[in-house]
Amino acid sequence: MLKKSKLKLFVYLVLVFAVGVSAWAAIATRLQESAPPKQESAVRAEMPARTRTEITYTAYAGFTSLEQLQNEADDVIVKDSEYGKYVDSIEGHQGGVDSKYWSFYIDGELSQVGAGAYVQKGGEQIEWKFQRL
């Protein structure tokens, strides 16, 4: 008799568990369906693209200047050349227009190495300027 009551208790617990899981799944699905769309994407779509001609940020250690630029600015276009990668365009400003090109500065000094080769120490002031050289 004791085995039958344990079996009944086990079956009862399994049923309660199954009903609980089903109810949780139904509630989760209903919440997902009724949730408003993410505001970030809607707001971002309405905002005009940034079109800066100067970009300044503090360097993060271990990143190249090119890697961090791609996180700091919108629409960064990089091209390959025989000398390595170079930044062709940032936020719609394409190199060669009006004899201007993108150059980058480390703590106020024009960099002597490419942005993809410069591994930042951390804390440097990095500036990108769209200018005639």
C-alpha atoms as a PDB file:
ATOM      1  CA  MET A   1       0.000   0.000   0.000  1.00  0.00           C
ATOM      2  CA  LEU A   2       2.852   2.315   0.757  1.00  0.00           C
ATOM      3  CA  LYS A   3       4.260   1.793  -2.766  1.00  0.00           C
ATOM      4  CA  LYS A   4       0.916   2.786  -4.329  1.00  0.00           C
ATOM      5  CA  SER A   5       0.775   6.053  -2.382  1.00  0.00           C
ATOM      6  CA  LYS A   6       4.367   6.902  -3.369  1.00  0.00           C
ATOM      7  CA  LEU A   7       3.509   6.153  -7.001  1.00  0.00           C
ATOM      8  CA  LYS A   8       0.410   8.367  -6.796  1.00  0.00           C
ATOM      9  CA  LEU A   9       2.464  11.167  -5.226  1.00  0.00           C
ATOM     10  CA  PHE A  10       5.105  10.834  -7.960  1.00  0.00           C
ATOM     11  CA  VAL A  11       2.470  10.947 -10.723  1.00  0.00           C
ATOM     12  CA  TYR A  12       0.818  13.938  -9.058  1.00  0.00           C
ATOM     13  CA  LEU A  13       4.138  15.825  -8.848  1.00  0.00           C
ATOM     14  CA  VAL A  14       4.933  15.077 -12.500  1.00  0.00           C
ATOM     15  CA  LEU A  15       1.514  16.385 -13.537  1.00  0.00           C
ATOM     16  CA  VAL A  16       1.909  19.554 -11.467  1.00  0.00           C
ATOM     17  CA  PHE A  17       5.360  20.110 -12.970  1.00  0.00           C
ATOM     18  CA  ALA A  18       4.065  19.599 -16.531  1.00  0.00           C
ATOM     19  CA  VAL A  19       1.155  21.992 -15.997  1.00  0.00           C
ATOM     20  CA  GLY A  20       3.516  24.586 -14.472  1.00  0.00           C
ATOM     21  CA  VAL A  21       5.932  24.381 -17.407  1.00  0.00           C
ATOM     22  CA  SER A  22       3.092  24.662 -19.910  1.00  0.00           C
ATOM     23  CA  ALA A  23       1.643  27.677 -18.127  1.00  0.00           C
ATOM     24  CA  TRP A  24       5.069  29.358 -17.944  1.00  0.00           C
ATOM     25  CA  ALA A  25       5.643  28.782 -21.679  1.00  0.00           C
ATOM     26  CA  ALA A  26       2.220  30.242 -22.530  1.00  0.00           C
ATOM     27  CA  ILE A  27       2.850  33.328 -20.385  1.00  0.00           C
ATOM     28  CA  ALA A  28       6.327  33.852 -21.847  1.00  0.00           C
ATOM     29  CA  THR A  29       4.967  33.606 -25.393  1.00  0.00           C
ATOM     30  CA  ARG A  30       2.172  36.063 -24.638  1.00  0.00           C
ATOM     31  CA  LEU A  31       4.608  38.531 -23.086  1.00  0.00           C
ATOM     32  CA  GLN A  32       6.894  38.342 -26.119  1.00  0.00           C
ATOM     33  CA  GLU A  33       4.022  38.935 -28.518  1.00  0.00           C
ATOM     34  CA  SER A  34       2.708  41.931 -26.580  1.00  0.00           C
ATOM     35  CA  ALA A  35       6.096  43.583 -25.968  1.00  0.00           C
ATOM     36  CA  PRO A  36       6.600  46.870 -27.819  1.00  0.00           C
ATOM     37  CA  PRO A  37       9.313  46.935 -30.486  1.00  0.00           C
ATOM     38  CA  LYS A  38      12.775  47.857 -29.312  1.00  0.00           C
ATOM     39  CA  GLN A  39      13.022  51.622 -29.118  1.00  0.00           C
ATOM     40  CA  GLU A  40      16.717  51.755 -29.996  1.00  0.00           C
ATOM     41  CA  SER A  41      16.274  50.530 -33.546  1.00  0.00           C
ATOM     42  CA  ALA A  42      13.268  52.768 -34.162  1.00  0.00           C
ATOM     43  CA  VAL A  43      15.048  55.833 -32.801  1.00  0.00           C
ATOM     44  CA  ARG A  44      18.290  55.000 -34.605  1.00  0.00           C
ATOM     45  CA  ALA A  45      16.449  54.679 -37.932  1.00  0.00           C
ATOM     46  CA  GLU A  46      14.970  58.156 -37.485  1.00  0.00           C
ATOM     47  CA  MET A  47      18.274  59.810 -36.569  1.00  0.00           C
ATOM     48  CA  PRO A  48      20.370  61.186 -39.417  1.00  0.00           C
ATOM     49  CA  ALA A  49      23.796  59.633 -39.849  1.00  0.00           C
ATOM     50  CA  ARG A  50      26.645  61.479 -38.194  1.00  0.00           C
ATOM     51  CA  THR A  51      28.963  63.258 -40.586  1.00  0.00           C
ATOM     52  CA  ARG A  52      31.875  64.400 -38.476  1.00  0.00           C
ATOM     53  CA  THR A  53      35.147  65.558 -39.986  1.00  0.00           C
ATOM     54  CA  GLU A  54      36.990  65.124 -36.681  1.00  0.00           C
ATOM     55  CA  ILE A  55      36.690  62.214 -34.287  1.00  0.00           C
ATOM     56  CA  THR A  56      38.431  62.205 -30.912  1.00  0.00           C
ATOM     57  CA  TYR A  57      38.541  59.514 -28.260  1.00  0.00           C
ATOM     58  CA  THR A  58      40.690  58.084 -25.478  1.00  0.00           C
ATOM     59  CA  ALA A  59      42.492  54.913 -26.535  1.00  0.00           C
ATOM     60  CA  TYR A  60      41.686  51.522 -25.007  1.00  0.00           C
ATOM     61  CA  ALA A  61      44.696  49.319 -24.271  1.00  0.00           C
ATOM     62  CA  GLY A  62      45.261  46.334 -26.544  1.00  0.00           C
ATOM     63  CA  PHE A  63      43.134  47.542 -29.457  1.00  0.00           C
ATOM     64  CA  THR A  64      44.501  48.909 -32.698  1.00  0.00           C
ATOM     65  CA  SER A  65      43.470  52.454 -33.533  1.00  0.00           C
ATOM     66  CA  LEU A  66      41.577  51.071 -36.520  1.00  0.00           C
ATOM     67  CA  GLU A  67      39.613  48.611 -34.361  1.00  0.00           C
ATOM     68  CA  GLN A  68      38.592  51.309 -31.914  1.00  0.00           C
ATOM     69  CA  LEU A  69      37.712  53.734 -34.707  1.00  0.00           C
ATOM     70  CA  GLN A  70      35.304  51.151 -36.111  1.00  0.00           C
ATOM     71  CA  ASN A  71      33.555  51.136 -32.711  1.00  0.00           C
ATOM     72  CA  GLU A  72      33.624  54.906 -32.234  1.00  0.00           C
ATOM     73  CA  ALA A  73      32.411  56.078 -35.666  1.00  0.00           C
ATOM     74  CA  ASP A  74      29.657  55.133 -38.081  1.00  0.00           C
ATOM     75  CA  ASP A  75      30.206  53.747 -41.575  1.00  0.00           C
ATOM     76  CA  VAL A  76      33.983  53.260 -41.542  1.00  0.00           C
ATOM     77  CA  ILE A  77      35.200  51.976 -44.922  1.00  0.00           C
ATOM     78  CA  VAL A  78      38.653  50.413 -45.023  1.00  0.00           C
ATOM     79  CA  LYS A  79      40.509  49.510 -48.206  1.00  0.00           C
ATOM     80  CA  ASP A  80      43.653  47.532 -48.940  1.00  0.00           C
ATOM     81  CA  SER A  81      46.659  48.995 -50.682  1.00  0.00           C
ATOM     82  CA  GLU A  82      50.175  47.793 -51.391  1.00  0.00           C
ATOM     83  CA  TYR A  83      51.176  49.451 -48.103  1.00  0.00           C
ATOM     84  CA  GLY A  84      48.415  47.810 -46.051  1.00  0.00           C
ATOM     85  CA  LYS A  85      44.933  48.836 -44.971  1.00  0.00           C
ATOM     86  CA  TYR A  86      43.863  52.446 -44.968  1.00  0.00           C
ATOM     87  CA  VAL A  87      40.727  54.328 -43.947  1.00  0.00           C
ATOM     88  CA  ASP A  88      39.017  55.456 -47.136  1.00  0.00           C
ATOM     89  CA  SER A  89      35.814  56.870 -45.698  1.00  0.00           C
ATOM     90  CA  ILE A  90      34.220  57.696 -42.351  1.00  0.00           C
ATOM     91  CA  GLU A  91      30.582  58.731 -42.030  1.00  0.00           C
ATOM     92  CA  GLY A  92      30.359  59.600 -45.717  1.00  0.00           C
ATOM     93  CA  HIS A  93      33.577  61.632 -46.006  1.00  0.00           C
ATOM     94  CA  GLN A  94      35.611  59.804 -48.637  1.00  0.00           C
ATOM     95  CA  GLY A  95      39.332  60.299 -49.072  1.00  0.00           C
ATOM     96  CA  GLY A  96      40.394  62.211 -52.185  1.00  0.00           C
ATOM     97  CA  VAL A  97      37.440  64.599 -52.202  1.00  0.00           C
ATOM     98  CA  ASP A  98      38.766  68.187 -52.354  1.00  0.00           C
ATOM     99  CA  SER A  99      42.259  66.691 -51.840  1.00  0.00           C
ATOM    100  CA  LYS A 100      41.303  65.728 -48.276  1.00  0.00           C
ATOM    101  CA  TYR A 101      42.131  62.418 -46.623  1.00  0.00           C
ATOM    102  CA  TRP A 102      41.666  60.842 -43.209  1.00  0.00           C
ATOM    103  CA  SER A 103      44.727  60.980 -40.981  1.00  0.00           C
ATOM    104  CA  PHE A 104      45.107  60.094 -37.352  1.00  0.00           C
ATOM    105  CA  TYR A 105      47.049  61.633 -34.519  1.00  0.00           C
ATOM    106  CA  ILE A 106      48.339  60.108 -31.299  1.00  0.00           C
ATOM    107  CA  ASP A 107      48.577  62.621 -28.448  1.00  0.00           C
ATOM    108  CA  GLY A 108      48.622  65.478 -30.960  1.00  0.00           C
ATOM    109  CA  GLU A 109      51.319  64.007 -33.229  1.00  0.00           C
ATOM    110  CA  LEU A 110      50.591  62.745 -36.744  1.00  0.00           C
ATOM    111  CA  SER A 111      51.029  58.973 -36.574  1.00  0.00           C
ATOM    112  CA  GLN A 112      53.992  57.488 -38.390  1.00  0.00           C
ATOM    113  CA  VAL A 113      52.351  54.028 -38.573  1.00  0.00           C
ATOM    114  CA  GLY A 114      49.051  52.826 -39.969  1.00  0.00           C
ATOM    115  CA  ALA A 115      45.995  52.690 -37.746  1.00  0.00           C
ATOM    116  CA  GLY A 116      45.757  48.921 -38.180  1.00  0.00           C
ATOM    117  CA  ALA A 117      49.347  48.487 -36.999  1.00  0.00           C
ATOM    118  CA  TYR A 118      49.262  50.821 -33.997  1.00  0.00           C
ATOM    119  CA  VAL A 119      48.384  48.819 -30.874  1.00  0.00           C
ATOM    120  CA  GLN A 120      47.204  51.310 -28.290  1.00  0.00           C
ATOM    121  CA  LYS A 121      48.787  51.385 -24.833  1.00  0.00           C
ATOM    122  CA  GLY A 122      45.655  52.876 -23.279  1.00  0.00           C
ATOM    123  CA  GLY A 123      44.972  56.465 -22.327  1.00  0.00           C
ATOM    124  CA  GLU A 124      46.367  58.104 -25.451  1.00  0.00           C
ATOM    125  CA  GLN A 125      44.303  60.813 -27.087  1.00  0.00           C
ATOM    126  CA  ILE A 126      43.442  59.610 -30.608  1.00  0.00           C
ATOM    127  CA  GLU A 127      42.214  62.136 -33.186  1.00  0.00           C
ATOM    128  CA  TRP A 128      41.013  61.433 -36.717  1.00  0.00           C
ATOM    129  CA  LYS A 129      40.884  64.439 -39.037  1.00  0.00           C
ATOM    130  CA  PHE A 130      39.541  64.772 -42.569  1.00  0.00           C
ATOM    131  CA  GLN A 131      42.002  67.293 -43.964  1.00  0.00           C
ATOM    132  CA  ARG A 132      44.529  68.276 -46.594  1.00  0.00           C
ATOM    133  CA  LEU A 133      48.039  67.242 -45.643  1.00  0.00           C
END
